N, C-alpha and C. Protein backbone atom coordinates (compact mmCIF):
# COMPACT_ATOMS: atom_id res chain seq x y z
N MET A 1 102.51 90.35 63.76
CA MET A 1 103.21 89.14 63.46
C MET A 1 102.27 87.98 63.82
N ILE A 2 102.27 86.93 63.01
CA ILE A 2 101.40 85.77 63.23
C ILE A 2 102.27 84.52 63.39
N ALA A 3 102.00 83.75 64.45
CA ALA A 3 102.70 82.48 64.70
C ALA A 3 101.94 81.69 65.75
N ASP A 4 102.03 80.38 65.68
CA ASP A 4 101.44 79.48 66.69
C ASP A 4 99.97 79.77 66.99
N GLY A 5 99.19 80.13 65.97
CA GLY A 5 97.77 80.36 66.18
C GLY A 5 97.44 81.65 66.90
N LYS A 6 98.40 82.56 66.97
CA LYS A 6 98.17 83.84 67.63
C LYS A 6 98.65 84.98 66.74
N VAL A 7 98.11 86.16 67.01
CA VAL A 7 98.57 87.40 66.40
C VAL A 7 99.25 88.20 67.50
N PHE A 8 100.46 88.66 67.25
CA PHE A 8 101.22 89.42 68.24
C PHE A 8 101.40 90.85 67.75
N LEU A 9 101.08 91.80 68.63
CA LEU A 9 101.17 93.22 68.29
C LEU A 9 101.95 93.96 69.36
N SER A 10 102.65 94.99 68.93
CA SER A 10 103.28 95.88 69.91
C SER A 10 102.66 97.26 69.75
N THR A 11 102.42 97.90 70.88
CA THR A 11 102.01 99.29 70.86
C THR A 11 103.29 100.08 71.10
N ARG A 12 103.80 100.71 70.08
CA ARG A 12 105.10 101.36 70.17
C ARG A 12 105.03 102.73 70.82
N THR A 13 103.84 103.26 70.94
CA THR A 13 103.68 104.52 71.63
C THR A 13 102.66 104.33 72.74
N GLY A 14 102.60 105.27 73.62
CA GLY A 14 101.68 105.14 74.74
C GLY A 14 102.49 105.05 76.02
N SER A 15 101.80 104.91 77.10
CA SER A 15 102.48 104.93 78.37
C SER A 15 102.01 103.78 79.25
N PRO A 16 102.78 102.76 79.41
CA PRO A 16 103.97 102.37 78.65
C PRO A 16 103.58 101.53 77.44
N PRO A 17 104.49 101.36 76.47
CA PRO A 17 104.20 100.46 75.35
C PRO A 17 103.98 99.03 75.87
N GLU A 18 103.19 98.25 75.14
CA GLU A 18 102.87 96.87 75.54
C GLU A 18 103.02 95.93 74.36
N ILE A 19 103.15 94.65 74.67
CA ILE A 19 103.06 93.58 73.68
C ILE A 19 101.76 92.84 73.98
N ARG A 20 101.00 92.52 72.94
CA ARG A 20 99.72 91.83 73.14
C ARG A 20 99.63 90.61 72.23
N GLY A 21 99.05 89.55 72.77
CA GLY A 21 98.78 88.34 72.00
C GLY A 21 97.28 88.14 71.87
N PHE A 22 96.82 87.78 70.67
CA PHE A 22 95.41 87.55 70.38
C PHE A 22 95.25 86.19 69.72
N ASP A 23 94.12 85.54 69.96
CA ASP A 23 93.81 84.30 69.27
C ASP A 23 93.59 84.60 67.79
N LEU A 24 94.24 83.84 66.91
CA LEU A 24 94.18 84.09 65.48
C LEU A 24 92.77 83.90 64.92
N ILE A 25 92.03 82.91 65.41
CA ILE A 25 90.70 82.61 64.88
C ILE A 25 89.62 83.52 65.45
N SER A 26 89.59 83.65 66.77
CA SER A 26 88.50 84.41 67.41
C SER A 26 88.81 85.90 67.58
N GLY A 27 90.09 86.25 67.58
CA GLY A 27 90.45 87.65 67.83
C GLY A 27 90.43 88.03 69.30
N GLU A 28 90.11 87.06 70.16
CA GLU A 28 90.05 87.33 71.60
C GLU A 28 91.46 87.59 72.15
N PRO A 29 91.58 88.53 73.08
CA PRO A 29 92.88 88.76 73.72
C PRO A 29 93.34 87.52 74.47
N ALA A 30 94.60 87.16 74.32
CA ALA A 30 95.16 86.01 75.02
C ALA A 30 96.02 86.47 76.20
N TRP A 31 96.79 87.53 76.01
CA TRP A 31 97.64 88.05 77.08
C TRP A 31 98.16 89.44 76.71
N THR A 32 98.63 90.14 77.74
CA THR A 32 99.30 91.44 77.57
C THR A 32 100.56 91.42 78.39
N ALA A 33 101.67 91.82 77.81
CA ALA A 33 102.94 91.92 78.53
C ALA A 33 103.27 93.39 78.71
N ASP A 34 103.32 93.82 79.95
CA ASP A 34 103.70 95.20 80.28
C ASP A 34 105.19 95.20 80.53
N LEU A 35 105.94 95.89 79.69
CA LEU A 35 107.39 95.92 79.81
C LEU A 35 107.88 97.11 80.60
N GLY A 36 106.99 97.81 81.22
CA GLY A 36 107.25 98.92 82.12
C GLY A 36 108.50 99.75 81.91
N GLY A 37 108.35 101.02 81.83
CA GLY A 37 109.48 101.94 81.79
C GLY A 37 110.09 102.17 80.42
N VAL A 38 109.68 101.45 79.40
CA VAL A 38 110.27 101.68 78.08
C VAL A 38 109.54 102.81 77.37
N GLU A 39 110.28 103.55 76.57
CA GLU A 39 109.69 104.64 75.81
C GLU A 39 109.29 104.21 74.41
N SER A 40 109.99 103.22 73.86
CA SER A 40 109.70 102.78 72.51
C SER A 40 110.06 101.31 72.35
N LEU A 41 109.42 100.67 71.38
CA LEU A 41 109.69 99.26 71.06
C LEU A 41 109.94 99.13 69.57
N ASP A 42 110.87 98.26 69.21
CA ASP A 42 111.12 97.94 67.82
C ASP A 42 110.23 96.77 67.41
N PRO A 43 110.15 96.47 66.11
CA PRO A 43 109.31 95.34 65.66
C PRO A 43 109.69 94.02 66.33
N LEU A 44 108.70 93.15 66.43
CA LEU A 44 108.86 91.85 67.08
C LEU A 44 109.48 90.83 66.13
N THR A 45 110.15 89.83 66.71
CA THR A 45 110.67 88.69 65.97
C THR A 45 110.23 87.44 66.72
N TYR A 46 109.90 86.38 65.96
CA TYR A 46 109.45 85.14 66.57
C TYR A 46 110.37 83.99 66.15
N HIS A 47 110.67 83.10 67.10
CA HIS A 47 111.39 81.87 66.79
C HIS A 47 111.12 80.84 67.88
N ASP A 48 110.66 79.66 67.48
CA ASP A 48 110.57 78.50 68.36
C ASP A 48 109.84 78.79 69.69
N GLY A 49 108.66 79.41 69.57
CA GLY A 49 107.84 79.64 70.75
C GLY A 49 108.21 80.86 71.58
N ARG A 50 109.14 81.65 71.06
CA ARG A 50 109.56 82.86 71.78
C ARG A 50 109.42 84.10 70.90
N ILE A 51 109.10 85.19 71.54
CA ILE A 51 109.05 86.50 70.89
C ILE A 51 110.26 87.29 71.39
N TYR A 52 111.01 87.84 70.47
CA TYR A 52 112.19 88.64 70.81
C TYR A 52 111.93 90.08 70.40
N LEU A 53 112.35 91.00 71.26
CA LEU A 53 112.17 92.41 70.94
C LEU A 53 113.19 93.27 71.66
N GLN A 54 113.34 94.46 71.13
CA GLN A 54 114.25 95.45 71.68
C GLN A 54 113.46 96.72 71.95
N GLY A 55 113.78 97.38 73.04
CA GLY A 55 113.15 98.64 73.37
C GLY A 55 114.17 99.57 73.99
N SER A 56 113.77 100.81 74.22
CA SER A 56 114.70 101.74 74.86
C SER A 56 113.98 102.55 75.93
N GLN A 57 114.73 102.84 76.98
CA GLN A 57 114.22 103.69 78.06
C GLN A 57 114.57 105.14 77.79
N ASP A 58 115.66 105.35 77.14
CA ASP A 58 116.11 106.68 76.74
C ASP A 58 117.10 106.48 75.60
N ARG A 59 117.75 107.50 75.18
CA ARG A 59 118.65 107.37 74.03
C ARG A 59 119.91 106.57 74.32
N ARG A 60 120.20 106.31 75.59
CA ARG A 60 121.42 105.60 75.94
C ARG A 60 121.19 104.23 76.54
N THR A 61 119.95 103.86 76.80
CA THR A 61 119.67 102.60 77.49
C THR A 61 118.77 101.72 76.63
N ASP A 62 119.30 100.62 76.16
CA ASP A 62 118.53 99.66 75.37
C ASP A 62 118.26 98.42 76.20
N LEU A 63 117.13 97.78 75.91
CA LEU A 63 116.77 96.53 76.59
C LEU A 63 116.39 95.50 75.54
N LEU A 64 116.70 94.24 75.83
CA LEU A 64 116.30 93.11 75.00
C LEU A 64 115.46 92.17 75.84
N TRP A 65 114.42 91.57 75.23
CA TRP A 65 113.57 90.62 75.93
C TRP A 65 113.36 89.39 75.08
N ALA A 66 113.13 88.28 75.76
CA ALA A 66 112.57 87.07 75.17
C ALA A 66 111.30 86.77 75.96
N LEU A 67 110.17 86.69 75.26
CA LEU A 67 108.88 86.41 75.90
C LEU A 67 108.38 85.05 75.45
N ASP A 68 107.64 84.38 76.33
CA ASP A 68 106.97 83.14 75.99
C ASP A 68 105.75 83.48 75.13
N ALA A 69 105.70 82.96 73.90
CA ALA A 69 104.61 83.29 72.99
C ALA A 69 103.27 82.75 73.47
N GLU A 70 103.27 81.74 74.30
CA GLU A 70 102.03 81.15 74.79
C GLU A 70 101.32 82.04 75.81
N ASN A 71 102.09 82.68 76.71
CA ASN A 71 101.46 83.44 77.80
C ASN A 71 102.02 84.85 78.00
N GLY A 72 103.02 85.25 77.23
CA GLY A 72 103.58 86.59 77.36
C GLY A 72 104.55 86.76 78.50
N GLY A 73 104.87 85.68 79.21
CA GLY A 73 105.81 85.77 80.33
C GLY A 73 107.23 86.07 79.87
N VAL A 74 107.94 86.82 80.68
CA VAL A 74 109.32 87.16 80.37
C VAL A 74 110.21 85.95 80.65
N ILE A 75 110.92 85.48 79.63
CA ILE A 75 111.88 84.39 79.79
C ILE A 75 113.22 84.96 80.22
N TRP A 76 113.65 86.02 79.55
CA TRP A 76 114.84 86.75 80.00
C TRP A 76 114.76 88.19 79.53
N GLU A 77 115.56 89.03 80.21
CA GLU A 77 115.64 90.45 79.90
C GLU A 77 117.09 90.86 80.04
N LYS A 78 117.58 91.68 79.12
CA LYS A 78 118.96 92.14 79.15
C LYS A 78 118.99 93.65 79.04
N LEU A 79 119.59 94.31 80.00
CA LEU A 79 119.75 95.76 80.00
C LEU A 79 121.15 96.09 79.52
N THR A 80 121.25 97.00 78.56
CA THR A 80 122.55 97.44 78.10
C THR A 80 122.65 98.95 78.31
N ALA A 81 123.33 99.35 79.34
CA ALA A 81 123.39 100.74 79.77
C ALA A 81 123.99 101.67 78.71
N ASP A 82 124.89 101.14 77.89
CA ASP A 82 125.55 101.98 76.90
C ASP A 82 124.93 101.88 75.53
N GLY A 83 123.79 101.25 75.41
CA GLY A 83 123.18 101.06 74.12
C GLY A 83 123.79 99.86 73.41
N LEU A 84 123.25 99.54 72.27
CA LEU A 84 123.70 98.34 71.54
C LEU A 84 124.70 98.68 70.45
N GLY A 85 124.78 99.88 70.03
CA GLY A 85 125.65 100.14 68.91
C GLY A 85 126.46 101.33 69.14
């Protein structure tokens, strides 16, 4: 995903999955957000300087995050023990 002069990528597999921001022009890494403990991540969404994403720790536990697109900091996190749907 591209926004605000950066490229945002999620590594959906690996241990643990991460979100990464890169400078759009130079390709240099800008930040990495370690969301610790998640097994998978869904595609990213961007709006008004924030990155929104959903991930899961297991089949019954979903998490939602809002990250600051400038530095990858967590703005808020929501745990839903029973899943979202």
